[in-house]
PDB file of N, CA and C in Angstrom:
ATOM      1  N   MET A   1      33.196  11.824   9.191  1.00  0.00           N
ATOM      2  CA  MET A   1      33.067  12.423   7.881  1.00  0.00           C
ATOM      3  C   MET A   1      32.001  11.673   7.102  1.00  0.00           C
ATOM      4  N   SER A   2      31.064  12.394   6.516  1.00  0.00           N
ATOM      5  CA  SER A   2      30.018  11.730   5.751  1.00  0.00           C
ATOM      6  C   SER A   2      30.357  11.768   4.267  1.00  0.00           C
ATOM      7  N   VAL A   3      30.012  10.694   3.591  1.00  0.00           N
ATOM      8  CA  VAL A   3      30.254  10.588   2.153  1.00  0.00           C
ATOM      9  C   VAL A   3      28.955  10.915   1.436  1.00  0.00           C
ATOM     10  N   LYS A   4      29.030  11.802   0.456  1.00  0.00           N
ATOM     11  CA  LYS A   4      27.841  12.183  -0.305  1.00  0.00           C
ATOM     12  C   LYS A   4      27.981  11.649  -1.720  1.00  0.00           C
ATOM     13  N   ARG A   5      27.059  10.800  -2.120  1.00  0.00           N
ATOM     14  CA  ARG A   5      27.080  10.253  -3.469  1.00  0.00           C
ATOM     15  C   ARG A   5      26.713  11.341  -4.463  1.00  0.00           C
ATOM     16  N   LYS A   6      27.046  11.101  -5.723  1.00  0.00           N
ATOM     17  CA  LYS A   6      26.867  12.094  -6.782  1.00  0.00           C
ATOM     18  C   LYS A   6      25.445  12.669  -6.828  1.00  0.00           C
ATOM     19  N   HIS A   7      24.420  11.822  -6.682  1.00  0.00           N
ATOM     20  CA  HIS A   7      23.045  12.308  -6.807  1.00  0.00           C
ATOM     21  C   HIS A   7      22.274  12.270  -5.495  1.00  0.00           C
ATOM     22  N   GLN A   8      22.983  12.182  -4.385  1.00  0.00           N
ATOM     23  CA  GLN A   8      22.317  12.162  -3.091  1.00  0.00           C
ATOM     24  C   GLN A   8      21.699  13.535  -2.828  1.00  0.00           C
ATOM     25  N   VAL A   9      20.511  13.534  -2.306  1.00  0.00           N
ATOM     26  CA  VAL A   9      19.813  14.783  -2.030  1.00  0.00           C
ATOM     27  C   VAL A   9      19.583  14.894  -0.527  1.00  0.00           C
ATOM     28  N   ASP A  10      20.082  15.954   0.086  1.00  0.00           N
ATOM     29  CA  ASP A  10      19.826  16.186   1.504  1.00  0.00           C
ATOM     30  C   ASP A  10      18.372  16.578   1.689  1.00  0.00           C
ATOM     31  N   HIS A  11      17.798  16.234   2.828  1.00  0.00           N
ATOM     32  CA  HIS A  11      16.385  16.512   3.071  1.00  0.00           C
ATOM     33  C   HIS A  11      16.053  17.994   2.946  1.00  0.00           C
ATOM     34  N   TYR A  12      16.949  18.871   3.305  1.00  0.00           N
ATOM     35  CA  TYR A  12      16.660  20.299   3.231  1.00  0.00           C
ATOM     36  C   TYR A  12      16.828  20.852   1.821  1.00  0.00           C
ATOM     37  N   GLU A  13      17.458  20.097   0.901  1.00  0.00           N
ATOM     38  CA  GLU A  13      17.636  20.549  -0.476  1.00  0.00           C
ATOM     39  C   GLU A  13      16.459  20.153  -1.359  1.00  0.00           C
ATOM     40  N   PHE A  14      15.741  19.094  -0.987  1.00  0.00           N
ATOM     41  CA  PHE A  14      14.681  18.558  -1.830  1.00  0.00           C
ATOM     42  C   PHE A  14      13.608  19.616  -2.094  1.00  0.00           C
ATOM     43  N   GLY A  15      13.417  19.958  -3.338  1.00  0.00           N
ATOM     44  CA  GLY A  15      12.399  20.927  -3.715  1.00  0.00           C
ATOM     45  C   GLY A  15      12.823  22.378  -3.636  1.00  0.00           C
ATOM     46  N   GLN A  16      14.042  22.659  -3.204  1.00  0.00           N
ATOM     47  CA  GLN A  16      14.476  24.050  -3.064  1.00  0.00           C
ATOM     48  C   GLN A  16      14.636  24.757  -4.408  1.00  0.00           C
ATOM     49  N   GLU A  17      14.795  24.006  -5.490  1.00  0.00           N
ATOM     50  CA  GLU A  17      14.904  24.594  -6.827  1.00  0.00           C
ATOM     51  C   GLU A  17      13.549  24.696  -7.512  1.00  0.00           C
ATOM     52  N   GLY A  18      12.501  24.335  -6.804  1.00  0.00           N
ATOM     53  CA  GLY A  18      11.158  24.421  -7.352  1.00  0.00           C
ATOM     54  C   GLY A  18      10.722  23.129  -8.022  1.00  0.00           C
ATOM     55  N   PHE A  19       9.553  23.188  -8.644  1.00  0.00           N
ATOM     56  CA  PHE A  19       9.006  22.002  -9.297  1.00  0.00           C
ATOM     57  C   PHE A  19       8.192  22.436 -10.509  1.00  0.00           C
ATOM     58  N   ASP A  20       7.896  21.480 -11.362  1.00  0.00           N
ATOM     59  CA  ASP A  20       7.031  21.705 -12.519  1.00  0.00           C
ATOM     60  C   ASP A  20       5.820  20.800 -12.393  1.00  0.00           C
ATOM     61  N   TYR A  21       4.648  21.358 -12.662  1.00  0.00           N
ATOM     62  CA  TYR A  21       3.403  20.598 -12.701  1.00  0.00           C
ATOM     63  C   TYR A  21       3.282  20.067 -14.118  1.00  0.00           C
ATOM     64  N   VAL A  22       3.289  18.738 -14.269  1.00  0.00           N
ATOM     65  CA  VAL A  22       3.342  18.139 -15.604  1.00  0.00           C
ATOM     66  C   VAL A  22       2.100  17.285 -15.850  1.00  0.00           C
ATOM     67  N   THR A  23       1.425  17.552 -16.979  1.00  0.00           N
ATOM     68  CA  THR A  23       0.283  16.749 -17.398  1.00  0.00           C
ATOM     69  C   THR A  23       0.450  16.239 -18.828  1.00  0.00           C
ATOM     70  N   GLY A  24       1.571  16.544 -19.456  1.00  0.00           N
ATOM     71  CA  GLY A  24       1.839  16.128 -20.833  1.00  0.00           C
ATOM     72  C   GLY A  24       3.300  15.762 -20.986  1.00  0.00           C
ATOM     73  N   THR A  25       3.967  16.385 -21.964  1.00  0.00           N
ATOM     74  CA  THR A  25       5.374  16.101 -22.241  1.00  0.00           C
ATOM     75  C   THR A  25       6.229  17.295 -21.866  1.00  0.00           C
ATOM     76  N   GLU A  26       7.330  17.045 -21.163  1.00  0.00           N
ATOM     77  CA  GLU A  26       8.260  18.102 -20.740  1.00  0.00           C
ATOM     78  C   GLU A  26       9.692  17.613 -20.888  1.00  0.00           C
ATOM     79  N   THR A  27      10.600  18.548 -21.170  1.00  0.00           N
ATOM     80  CA  THR A  27      12.034  18.267 -21.208  1.00  0.00           C
ATOM     81  C   THR A  27      12.719  19.194 -20.220  1.00  0.00           C
ATOM     82  N   GLY A  28      13.653  18.662 -19.439  1.00  0.00           N
ATOM     83  CA  GLY A  28      14.369  19.458 -18.441  1.00  0.00           C
ATOM     84  C   GLY A  28      15.270  18.561 -17.629  1.00  0.00           C
ATOM     85  N   GLU A  29      15.556  18.975 -16.412  1.00  0.00           N
ATOM     86  CA  GLU A  29      16.354  18.169 -15.480  1.00  0.00           C
ATOM     87  C   GLU A  29      15.655  18.153 -14.129  1.00  0.00           C
ATOM     88  N   TRP A  30      15.306  16.959 -13.681  1.00  0.00           N
ATOM     89  CA  TRP A  30      14.605  16.806 -12.413  1.00  0.00           C
ATOM     90  C   TRP A  30      15.267  15.727 -11.578  1.00  0.00           C
ATOM     91  N   ILE A  31      15.133  15.848 -10.258  1.00  0.00           N
ATOM     92  CA  ILE A  31      15.722  14.865  -9.342  1.00  0.00           C
ATOM     93  C   ILE A  31      14.683  13.919  -8.755  1.00  0.00           C
ATOM     94  N   ALA A  32      13.395  14.251  -8.898  1.00  0.00           N
ATOM     95  CA  ALA A  32      12.338  13.393  -8.361  1.00  0.00           C
ATOM     96  C   ALA A  32      11.024  13.730  -9.040  1.00  0.00           C
ATOM     97  N   ILE A  33      10.148  12.729  -9.090  1.00  0.00           N
ATOM     98  CA  ILE A  33       8.796  12.946  -9.593  1.00  0.00           C
ATOM     99  C   ILE A  33       7.814  12.373  -8.588  1.00  0.00           C
ATOM    100  N   GLN A  34       6.685  13.066  -8.428  1.00  0.00           N
ATOM    101  CA  GLN A  34       5.666  12.648  -7.470  1.00  0.00           C
ATOM    102  C   GLN A  34       4.309  12.693  -8.142  1.00  0.00           C
ATOM    103  N   ALA A  35       3.582  11.580  -8.080  1.00  0.00           N
ATOM    104  CA  ALA A  35       2.228  11.526  -8.623  1.00  0.00           C
ATOM    105  C   ALA A  35       1.292  12.271  -7.674  1.00  0.00           C
ATOM    106  N   ILE A  36       0.423  13.105  -8.240  1.00  0.00           N
ATOM    107  CA  ILE A  36      -0.538  13.843  -7.417  1.00  0.00           C
ATOM    108  C   ILE A  36      -1.939  13.612  -7.950  1.00  0.00           C
ATOM    109  N   GLY A  37      -2.908  13.880  -7.132  1.00  0.00           N
ATOM    110  CA  GLY A  37      -4.304  13.729  -7.531  1.00  0.00           C
ATOM    111  C   GLY A  37      -4.801  12.304  -7.322  1.00  0.00           C
ATOM    112  N   VAL A  38      -6.102  12.190  -7.194  1.00  0.00           N
ATOM    113  CA  VAL A  38      -6.737  10.890  -6.992  1.00  0.00           C
ATOM    114  C   VAL A  38      -6.486  10.024  -8.219  1.00  0.00           C
ATOM    115  N   GLY A  39      -6.065   8.798  -7.994  1.00  0.00           N
ATOM    116  CA  GLY A  39      -5.829   7.877  -9.098  1.00  0.00           C
ATOM    117  C   GLY A  39      -4.387   7.841  -9.573  1.00  0.00           C
ATOM    118  N   GLY A  40      -3.529   8.725  -9.055  1.00  0.00           N
ATOM    119  CA  GLY A  40      -2.122   8.708  -9.428  1.00  0.00           C
ATOM    120  C   GLY A  40      -1.888   9.166 -10.855  1.00  0.00           C
ATOM    121  N   ALA A  41      -0.887   8.564 -11.520  1.00  0.00           N
ATOM    122  CA  ALA A  41      -0.520   8.977 -12.868  1.00  0.00           C
ATOM    123  C   ALA A  41       0.083   7.806 -13.630  1.00  0.00           C
ATOM    124  N   VAL A  42      -0.015   7.897 -14.953  1.00  0.00           N
ATOM    125  CA  VAL A  42       0.683   6.968 -15.834  1.00  0.00           C
ATOM    126  C   VAL A  42       1.719   7.801 -16.569  1.00  0.00           C
ATOM    127  N   LEU A  43       2.979   7.358 -16.524  1.00  0.00           N
ATOM    128  CA  LEU A  43       4.043   8.165 -17.110  1.00  0.00           C
ATOM    129  C   LEU A  43       5.165   7.299 -17.640  1.00  0.00           C
ATOM    130  N   SER A  44       5.996   7.904 -18.488  1.00  0.00           N
ATOM    131  CA  SER A  44       7.281   7.327 -18.880  1.00  0.00           C
ATOM    132  C   SER A  44       8.315   8.415 -18.696  1.00  0.00           C
ATOM    133  N   ALA A  45       9.555   8.000 -18.465  1.00  0.00           N
ATOM    134  CA  ALA A  45      10.610   8.972 -18.208  1.00  0.00           C
ATOM    135  C   ALA A  45      11.933   8.486 -18.787  1.00  0.00           C
ATOM    136  N   THR A  46      12.690   9.436 -19.337  1.00  0.00           N
ATOM    137  CA  THR A  46      14.042   9.164 -19.789  1.00  0.00           C
ATOM    138  C   THR A  46      14.982   9.634 -18.690  1.00  0.00           C
ATOM    139  N   CYS A  47      15.968   8.802 -18.376  1.00  0.00           N
ATOM    140  CA  CYS A  47      16.920   9.111 -17.314  1.00  0.00           C
ATOM    141  C   CYS A  47      18.315   9.318 -17.901  1.00  0.00           C
ATOM    142  N   SER A  48      19.033  10.318 -17.394  1.00  0.00           N
ATOM    143  CA  SER A  48      20.391  10.561 -17.869  1.00  0.00           C
ATOM    144  C   SER A  48      21.367   9.532 -17.292  1.00  0.00           C
ATOM    145  N   GLU A  49      20.975   8.860 -16.234  1.00  0.00           N
ATOM    146  CA  GLU A  49      21.777   7.791 -15.635  1.00  0.00           C
ATOM    147  C   GLU A  49      20.841   6.674 -15.223  1.00  0.00           C
ATOM    148  N   GLY A  50      21.251   5.443 -15.432  1.00  0.00           N
ATOM    149  CA  GLY A  50      20.412   4.311 -15.062  1.00  0.00           C
ATOM    150  C   GLY A  50      19.388   4.007 -16.139  1.00  0.00           C
ATOM    151  N   ASP A  51      18.419   3.193 -15.784  1.00  0.00           N
ATOM    152  CA  ASP A  51      17.403   2.757 -16.741  1.00  0.00           C
ATOM    153  C   ASP A  51      16.307   3.784 -16.907  1.00  0.00           C
ATOM    154  N   ASN A  52      15.736   3.825 -18.102  1.00  0.00           N
ATOM    155  CA  ASN A  52      14.560   4.653 -18.358  1.00  0.00           C
ATOM    156  C   ASN A  52      13.340   3.962 -17.750  1.00  0.00           C
ATOM    157  N   LEU A  53      12.300   4.727 -17.494  1.00  0.00           N
ATOM    158  CA  LEU A  53      11.051   4.159 -17.001  1.00  0.00           C
ATOM    159  C   LEU A  53      10.101   4.011 -18.184  1.00  0.00           C
ATOM    160  N   PRO A  54       9.641   2.796 -18.455  1.00  0.00           N
ATOM    161  CA  PRO A  54       8.647   2.626 -19.512  1.00  0.00           C
ATOM    162  C   PRO A  54       7.313   3.170 -19.003  1.00  0.00           C
ATOM    163  N   SER A  55       6.282   3.019 -19.733  1.00  0.00           N
ATOM    164  CA  SER A  55       4.966   3.472 -19.290  1.00  0.00           C
ATOM    165  C   SER A  55       4.581   2.706 -18.021  1.00  0.00           C
ATOM    166  N   ILE A  56       4.555   3.424 -16.887  1.00  0.00           N
ATOM    167  CA  ILE A  56       4.241   2.795 -15.602  1.00  0.00           C
ATOM    168  C   ILE A  56       3.140   3.572 -14.896  1.00  0.00           C
ATOM    169  N   GLU A  57       2.417   2.874 -14.039  1.00  0.00           N
ATOM    170  CA  GLU A  57       1.390   3.506 -13.213  1.00  0.00           C
ATOM    171  C   GLU A  57       2.008   3.829 -11.858  1.00  0.00           C
ATOM    172  N   VAL A  58       1.862   5.077 -11.432  1.00  0.00           N
ATOM    173  CA  VAL A  58       2.424   5.532 -10.165  1.00  0.00           C
ATOM    174  C   VAL A  58       1.269   5.960  -9.261  1.00  0.00           C
ATOM    175  N   SER A  59       1.207   5.392  -8.084  1.00  0.00           N
ATOM    176  CA  SER A  59       0.121   5.698  -7.146  1.00  0.00           C
ATOM    177  C   SER A  59       0.233   7.115  -6.607  1.00  0.00           C
ATOM    178  N   GLU A  60      -0.908   7.681  -6.252  1.00  0.00           N
ATOM    179  CA  GLU A  60      -0.950   9.027  -5.674  1.00  0.00           C
ATOM    180  C   GLU A  60      -0.005   9.131  -4.484  1.00  0.00           C
ATOM    181  N   GLY A  61       0.836  10.174  -4.483  1.00  0.00           N
ATOM    182  CA  GLY A  61       1.758  10.417  -3.390  1.00  0.00           C
ATOM    183  C   GLY A  61       3.104   9.723  -3.528  1.00  0.00           C
ATOM    184  N   MET A  62       3.196   8.733  -4.399  1.00  0.00           N
ATOM    185  CA  MET A  62       4.456   8.000  -4.578  1.00  0.00           C
ATOM    186  C   MET A  62       5.511   8.916  -5.198  1.00  0.00           C
ATOM    187  N   VAL A  63       6.752   8.828  -4.684  1.00  0.00           N
ATOM    188  CA  VAL A  63       7.865   9.629  -5.185  1.00  0.00           C
ATOM    189  C   VAL A  63       8.920   8.689  -5.754  1.00  0.00           C
ATOM    190  N   ILE A  64       9.412   9.006  -6.953  1.00  0.00           N
ATOM    191  CA  ILE A  64      10.502   8.256  -7.572  1.00  0.00           C
ATOM    192  C   ILE A  64      11.668   9.221  -7.720  1.00  0.00           C
ATOM    193  N   VAL A  65      12.826   8.829  -7.204  1.00  0.00           N
ATOM    194  CA  VAL A  65      14.015   9.675  -7.251  1.00  0.00           C
ATOM    195  C   VAL A  65      14.929   9.170  -8.359  1.00  0.00           C
ATOM    196  N   GLY A  66      15.500  10.090  -9.135  1.00  0.00           N
ATOM    197  CA  GLY A  66      16.402   9.715 -10.213  1.00  0.00           C
ATOM    198  C   GLY A  66      16.951  10.949 -10.904  1.00  0.00           C
ATOM    199  N   ALA A  67      17.550  10.739 -12.054  1.00  0.00           N
ATOM    200  CA  ALA A  67      18.097  11.835 -12.869  1.00  0.00           C
ATOM    201  C   ALA A  67      17.272  11.876 -14.157  1.00  0.00           C
ATOM    202  N   PHE A  68      16.135  12.542 -14.110  1.00  0.00           N
ATOM    203  CA  PHE A  68      15.174  12.542 -15.212  1.00  0.00           C
ATOM    204  C   PHE A  68      15.408  13.712 -16.167  1.00  0.00           C
ATOM    205  N   THR A  69      15.283  13.439 -17.482  1.00  0.00           N
ATOM    206  CA  THR A  69      15.471  14.494 -18.484  1.00  0.00           C
ATOM    207  C   THR A  69      14.251  14.698 -19.376  1.00  0.00           C
ATOM    208  N   ASP A  70      13.485  13.660 -19.630  1.00  0.00           N
ATOM    209  CA  ASP A  70      12.274  13.766 -20.453  1.00  0.00           C
ATOM    210  C   ASP A  70      11.143  13.046 -19.744  1.00  0.00           C
ATOM    211  N   LEU A  71      10.005  13.711 -19.651  1.00  0.00           N
ATOM    212  CA  LEU A  71       8.842  13.134 -18.983  1.00  0.00           C
ATOM    213  C   LEU A  71       7.651  13.148 -19.924  1.00  0.00           C
ATOM    214  N   GLU A  72       6.863  12.088 -19.883  1.00  0.00           N
ATOM    215  CA  GLU A  72       5.602  12.052 -20.623  1.00  0.00           C
ATOM    216  C   GLU A  72       4.536  11.471 -19.722  1.00  0.00           C
ATOM    217  N   VAL A  73       3.552  12.292 -19.387  1.00  0.00           N
ATOM    218  CA  VAL A  73       2.441  11.874 -18.540  1.00  0.00           C
ATOM    219  C   VAL A  73       1.244  11.644 -19.448  1.00  0.00           C
ATOM    220  N   THR A  74       0.742  10.409 -19.491  1.00  0.00           N
ATOM    221  CA  THR A  74      -0.401  10.088 -20.362  1.00  0.00           C
ATOM    222  C   THR A  74      -1.719  10.062 -19.607  1.00  0.00           C
ATOM    223  N   SER A  75      -1.651  10.055 -18.268  1.00  0.00           N
ATOM    224  CA  SER A  75      -2.864  10.069 -17.454  1.00  0.00           C
ATOM    225  C   SER A  75      -2.506  10.672 -16.092  1.00  0.00           C
ATOM    226  N   GLY A  76      -3.351  11.545 -15.593  1.00  0.00           N
ATOM    227  CA  GLY A  76      -3.108  12.155 -14.296  1.00  0.00           C
ATOM    228  C   GLY A  76      -2.123  13.301 -14.373  1.00  0.00           C
ATOM    229  N   ALA A  77      -1.460  13.577 -13.243  1.00  0.00           N
ATOM    230  CA  ALA A  77      -0.526  14.700 -13.157  1.00  0.00           C
ATOM    231  C   ALA A  77       0.597  14.359 -12.180  1.00  0.00           C
ATOM    232  N   ILE A  78       1.757  14.994 -12.372  1.00  0.00           N
ATOM    233  CA  ILE A  78       2.883  14.809 -11.468  1.00  0.00           C
ATOM    234  C   ILE A  78       3.508  16.155 -11.126  1.00  0.00           C
ATOM    235  N   LEU A  79       4.235  16.176 -10.026  1.00  0.00           N
ATOM    236  CA  LEU A  79       5.140  17.266  -9.708  1.00  0.00           C
ATOM    237  C   LEU A  79       6.535  16.739  -9.999  1.00  0.00           C
ATOM    238  N   ALA A  80       7.290  17.472 -10.816  1.00  0.00           N
ATOM    239  CA  ALA A  80       8.658  17.094 -11.152  1.00  0.00           C
ATOM    240  C   ALA A  80       9.573  18.102 -10.461  1.00  0.00           C
ATOM    241  N   TYR A  81      10.385  17.627  -9.520  1.00  0.00           N
ATOM    242  CA  TYR A  81      11.245  18.504  -8.717  1.00  0.00           C
ATOM    243  C   TYR A  81      12.541  18.792  -9.458  1.00  0.00           C
ATOM    244  N   ARG A  82      12.811  20.075  -9.681  1.00  0.00           N
ATOM    245  CA  ARG A  82      13.974  20.509 -10.464  1.00  0.00           C
ATOM    246  C   ARG A  82      15.290  20.179  -9.785  1.00  0.00           C
ATOM    247  N   LYS A  83      16.284  19.922 -10.621  1.00  0.00           N
ATOM    248  CA  LYS A  83      17.639  19.613 -10.160  1.00  0.00           C
ATOM    249  C   LYS A  83      18.302  20.866  -9.655  1.00  0.00           C
TER     250      LYS A  83
END
């Protein structure tokens, strides 16, 4: 029997609810964010669980998994995967 944690995402579920292309400020519910484009992105994020992300630089292709509710991208672009 496998145990599934509250926010665990199965590989086949990731991205099945779609994503948002974010270059500014957005409010919603996302399970992961991915920096896209050359140079990555600078962003901050509010999380419904755990710590918020202050203004951080995220390299191109890097994925951060969490329970995100507010996103602010100040440089570059990200894909925010819907919950």
